[in-house]
Amino acid sequence: MKENIFETIKKVDNDGKEYWSSRELAKVLEYTDYRNFLTALNKAKTACENSGEVIHSHFVDTNEMVLFTEK
């Protein structure tokens, strides 16, 4: 059986909690521009809040180092 693409990019923290990098999710979901994915992510945060959930329980802001390569 083929492994789910989301399982292949899943990360697990020291407490065993699963999480996904937004940059990796954007690629898997075929967003060509990360800024467009941020719009979708913000809508997901609003939906989370509107359903009575605490946003910070489901979304954690982090700063990732982005490496640029010359072409």
C-alpha atoms as a PDB file:
ATOM      1  CA  MET A   1       0.000   0.000   0.000  1.00  0.00           C
ATOM      2  CA  LYS A   2       1.316   3.461  -0.943  1.00  0.00           C
ATOM      3  CA  GLU A   3       2.044   5.753   2.000  1.00  0.00           C
ATOM      4  CA  ASN A   4      -0.080   8.889   2.304  1.00  0.00           C
ATOM      5  CA  ILE A   5       1.894  11.990   1.203  1.00  0.00           C
ATOM      6  CA  PHE A   6       0.879  13.788   4.402  1.00  0.00           C
ATOM      7  CA  GLU A   7       2.378  10.977   6.455  1.00  0.00           C
ATOM      8  CA  THR A   8       5.678  11.329   4.613  1.00  0.00           C
ATOM      9  CA  ILE A   9       6.022  15.027   5.546  1.00  0.00           C
ATOM     10  CA  LYS A  10       4.670  14.666   9.082  1.00  0.00           C
ATOM     11  CA  LYS A  11       6.970  15.627  11.923  1.00  0.00           C
ATOM     12  CA  VAL A  12       6.757  14.569  15.576  1.00  0.00           C
ATOM     13  CA  ASP A  13       7.937  16.740  18.460  1.00  0.00           C
ATOM     14  CA  ASN A  14       9.645  15.540  21.650  1.00  0.00           C
ATOM     15  CA  ASP A  15       6.243  15.032  23.305  1.00  0.00           C
ATOM     16  CA  GLY A  16       5.015  12.812  20.484  1.00  0.00           C
ATOM     17  CA  LYS A  17       2.693  15.448  19.014  1.00  0.00           C
ATOM     18  CA  GLU A  18       2.382  15.430  15.239  1.00  0.00           C
ATOM     19  CA  TYR A  19       2.763  18.575  13.169  1.00  0.00           C
ATOM     20  CA  TRP A  20       3.357  19.720   9.611  1.00  0.00           C
ATOM     21  CA  SER A  21       5.437  22.554   8.189  1.00  0.00           C
ATOM     22  CA  SER A  22       3.308  25.055   6.287  1.00  0.00           C
ATOM     23  CA  ARG A  23       5.982  25.373   3.597  1.00  0.00           C
ATOM     24  CA  GLU A  24       5.977  21.609   3.023  1.00  0.00           C
ATOM     25  CA  LEU A  25       2.166  21.513   3.043  1.00  0.00           C
ATOM     26  CA  ALA A  26       2.062  24.304   0.473  1.00  0.00           C
ATOM     27  CA  LYS A  27       4.284  22.275  -1.853  1.00  0.00           C
ATOM     28  CA  VAL A  28       2.257  19.087  -1.384  1.00  0.00           C
ATOM     29  CA  LEU A  29      -0.947  21.003  -2.069  1.00  0.00           C
ATOM     30  CA  GLU A  30       0.713  22.416  -5.209  1.00  0.00           C
ATOM     31  CA  TYR A  31       0.673  26.097  -4.295  1.00  0.00           C
ATOM     32  CA  THR A  32       3.150  27.773  -6.623  1.00  0.00           C
ATOM     33  CA  ASP A  33       3.321  30.904  -4.469  1.00  0.00           C
ATOM     34  CA  TYR A  34       3.646  30.513  -0.700  1.00  0.00           C
ATOM     35  CA  ARG A  35       1.855  33.839  -0.162  1.00  0.00           C
ATOM     36  CA  ASN A  36      -1.284  32.312  -1.687  1.00  0.00           C
ATOM     37  CA  PHE A  37      -1.051  29.433   0.771  1.00  0.00           C
ATOM     38  CA  LEU A  38      -0.821  31.923   3.653  1.00  0.00           C
ATOM     39  CA  THR A  39      -4.233  33.260   2.603  1.00  0.00           C
ATOM     40  CA  ALA A  40      -5.692  29.748   2.839  1.00  0.00           C
ATOM     41  CA  LEU A  41      -3.936  29.206   6.161  1.00  0.00           C
ATOM     42  CA  ASN A  42      -5.429  32.392   7.602  1.00  0.00           C
ATOM     43  CA  LYS A  43      -8.894  31.261   6.486  1.00  0.00           C
ATOM     44  CA  ALA A  44      -8.293  27.931   8.246  1.00  0.00           C
ATOM     45  CA  LYS A  45      -7.350  29.784  11.437  1.00  0.00           C
ATOM     46  CA  THR A  46     -10.560  31.820  11.230  1.00  0.00           C
ATOM     47  CA  ALA A  47     -12.625  28.656  10.705  1.00  0.00           C
ATOM     48  CA  CYS A  48     -10.880  27.082  13.691  1.00  0.00           C
ATOM     49  CA  GLU A  49     -11.728  30.064  15.887  1.00  0.00           C
ATOM     50  CA  ASN A  50     -15.318  30.220  14.581  1.00  0.00           C
ATOM     51  CA  SER A  51     -15.820  26.578  15.570  1.00  0.00           C
ATOM     52  CA  GLY A  52     -14.923  27.423  19.165  1.00  0.00           C
ATOM     53  CA  GLU A  53     -11.373  26.065  19.092  1.00  0.00           C
ATOM     54  CA  VAL A  54      -8.314  27.880  20.385  1.00  0.00           C
ATOM     55  CA  ILE A  55      -6.178  28.764  17.364  1.00  0.00           C
ATOM     56  CA  HIS A  56      -2.885  28.326  19.232  1.00  0.00           C
ATOM     57  CA  SER A  57      -3.862  24.749  20.086  1.00  0.00           C
ATOM     58  CA  HIS A  58      -3.811  23.901  16.381  1.00  0.00           C
ATOM     59  CA  PHE A  59      -1.524  26.457  14.715  1.00  0.00           C
ATOM     60  CA  VAL A  60       1.902  27.450  15.962  1.00  0.00           C
ATOM     61  CA  ASP A  61       3.840  30.265  14.357  1.00  0.00           C
ATOM     62  CA  THR A  62       7.493  29.539  13.758  1.00  0.00           C
ATOM     63  CA  ASN A  63      10.262  31.094  11.766  1.00  0.00           C
ATOM     64  CA  GLU A  64      11.898  28.777   9.275  1.00  0.00           C
ATOM     65  CA  MET A  65      15.168  29.538   7.577  1.00  0.00           C
ATOM     66  CA  VAL A  66      14.628  29.756   3.849  1.00  0.00           C
ATOM     67  CA  LEU A  67      17.604  28.940   1.674  1.00  0.00           C
ATOM     68  CA  PHE A  68      17.927  30.511  -1.747  1.00  0.00           C
ATOM     69  CA  THR A  69      20.044  29.026  -4.476  1.00  0.00           C
ATOM     70  CA  GLU A  70      21.313  30.821  -7.503  1.00  0.00           C
ATOM     71  CA  LYS A  71      20.134  29.556 -10.848  1.00  0.00           C
END
